[in-house]
Amino acid sequence: MPEILLRYVEGAGVALYRHEASQAAELLAPRRDLYDYSGGFSWGYGGPGPVNLSHAIVGKVFEFDGFRKSICRKHARILLHEVIVKLKPECEYDLPVEALKELLTQ
């Protein structure tokens, strides 16, 4: 089952995508076409790092679904307020992609 992995490396928030548990994870790419920000990822509050993360996650989760940018940005706002800001900033997380898709398309 695909997952978004949120980790801390040397104090920096890192987001990874893993398609299957048996496979290596890959870095989640920022989506500057959805949110033009040159900083990194973070979670647990509502600043630009979490906004950047929510857009990157939505960009990956709906990568092949053909959504317009305006719909992706709407999904990113929902993800930010319903999930990302509620996470504890000092913790690491494994977020199931299917659960995120279900939340955003209900």
Protein backbone atom coordinates (compact mmCIF):
# COMPACT_ATOMS: atom_id res chain seq x y z
CA MET A 1 0.00 0.00 0.00
CA PRO A 2 1.50 3.40 -0.97
CA GLU A 3 2.45 5.74 1.86
CA ILE A 4 3.74 9.24 2.42
CA LEU A 5 6.49 9.10 5.04
CA LEU A 6 7.26 12.20 7.10
CA ARG A 7 10.68 12.07 8.73
CA TYR A 8 13.29 14.30 10.35
CA VAL A 9 16.87 14.12 9.12
CA GLU A 10 19.42 16.32 10.87
CA GLY A 11 16.53 18.48 12.10
CA ALA A 12 15.02 19.00 8.64
CA GLY A 13 11.54 17.80 7.72
CA VAL A 14 11.68 15.31 4.86
CA ALA A 15 8.79 13.79 2.94
CA LEU A 16 9.13 10.47 1.13
CA TYR A 17 6.86 8.37 -1.05
CA ARG A 18 6.91 4.59 -0.81
CA HIS A 19 4.81 2.60 -3.26
CA GLU A 20 5.12 -0.72 -1.42
CA ALA A 21 6.62 -1.73 1.93
CA SER A 22 9.14 -3.98 0.16
CA GLN A 23 10.45 -1.10 -1.99
CA ALA A 24 12.78 1.76 -1.17
CA ALA A 25 11.20 5.15 -0.57
CA GLU A 26 11.89 8.14 -2.83
CA LEU A 27 12.00 11.83 -1.99
CA LEU A 28 8.71 13.62 -2.48
CA ALA A 29 9.28 16.43 -4.96
CA PRO A 30 7.98 19.94 -4.22
CA ARG A 31 5.24 21.06 -6.58
CA ARG A 32 6.22 24.62 -7.44
CA ASP A 33 3.63 24.59 -10.21
CA LEU A 34 0.99 24.40 -7.44
CA TYR A 35 2.74 26.42 -4.71
CA ASP A 36 5.79 28.52 -5.56
CA TYR A 37 7.95 28.20 -2.47
CA SER A 38 11.67 27.48 -2.29
CA GLY A 39 11.80 26.29 1.34
CA GLY A 40 11.38 22.81 2.70
CA PHE A 41 8.65 20.72 4.25
CA SER A 42 7.30 20.81 7.80
CA TRP A 43 4.12 19.92 9.68
CA GLY A 44 2.31 20.74 12.88
CA TYR A 45 1.38 24.38 12.18
CA GLY A 46 0.00 26.49 9.34
CA GLY A 47 3.07 28.19 7.88
CA PRO A 48 4.65 28.00 4.42
CA GLY A 49 6.52 24.72 5.08
CA PRO A 50 3.27 22.83 5.82
CA VAL A 51 1.55 24.52 2.86
CA ASN A 52 4.44 23.38 0.66
CA LEU A 53 4.09 19.84 2.04
CA SER A 54 0.34 19.70 1.45
CA HIS A 55 0.78 20.73 -2.20
CA ALA A 56 3.58 18.18 -2.72
CA ILE A 57 1.45 15.40 -1.22
CA VAL A 58 -1.59 16.29 -3.31
CA GLY A 59 0.59 16.52 -6.42
CA LYS A 60 1.86 12.99 -5.80
CA VAL A 61 -1.41 11.42 -4.65
CA PHE A 62 -3.35 12.73 -7.66
CA GLU A 63 -0.41 12.62 -10.09
CA PHE A 64 -2.21 10.53 -12.71
CA ASP A 65 -5.81 11.59 -12.06
CA GLY A 66 -5.83 14.56 -14.43
CA PHE A 67 -7.08 17.16 -11.94
CA ARG A 68 -6.74 20.83 -12.86
CA LYS A 69 -4.37 22.93 -10.76
CA SER A 70 -7.29 24.74 -9.12
CA ILE A 71 -8.71 21.42 -7.87
CA CYS A 72 -5.29 20.31 -6.62
CA ARG A 73 -4.88 23.59 -4.73
CA LYS A 74 -8.32 23.10 -3.16
CA HIS A 75 -7.37 19.56 -2.10
CA ALA A 76 -4.08 20.89 -0.68
CA ARG A 77 -5.94 23.43 1.49
CA ILE A 78 -8.20 20.70 2.83
CA LEU A 79 -5.23 18.42 3.52
CA LEU A 80 -3.41 21.25 5.28
CA HIS A 81 -6.30 22.05 7.63
CA GLU A 82 -7.59 18.51 8.18
CA VAL A 83 -4.26 16.68 8.56
CA ILE A 84 -0.97 18.56 8.27
CA VAL A 85 -1.54 21.27 10.90
CA LYS A 86 -2.85 18.65 13.36
CA LEU A 87 0.31 16.53 13.30
CA LYS A 88 2.82 16.98 16.11
CA PRO A 89 5.88 18.72 14.65
CA GLU A 90 8.43 16.62 16.55
CA CYS A 91 6.96 13.28 15.41
CA GLU A 92 7.38 11.16 12.30
CA TYR A 93 4.42 9.71 10.39
CA ASP A 94 3.41 7.11 7.81
CA LEU A 95 0.33 8.43 5.97
CA PRO A 96 -1.54 5.87 3.83
CA VAL A 97 -2.20 7.31 0.38
CA GLU A 98 -5.61 5.61 0.14
CA ALA A 99 -6.78 7.30 3.37
CA LEU A 100 -5.61 10.68 2.05
CA LYS A 101 -7.41 10.15 -1.26
CA GLU A 102 -10.58 9.14 0.57
CA LEU A 103 -10.47 12.25 2.75
CA LEU A 104 -9.93 14.55 -0.21
CA THR A 105 -12.50 13.08 -2.59
CA GLN A 106 -15.47 12.62 -0.26
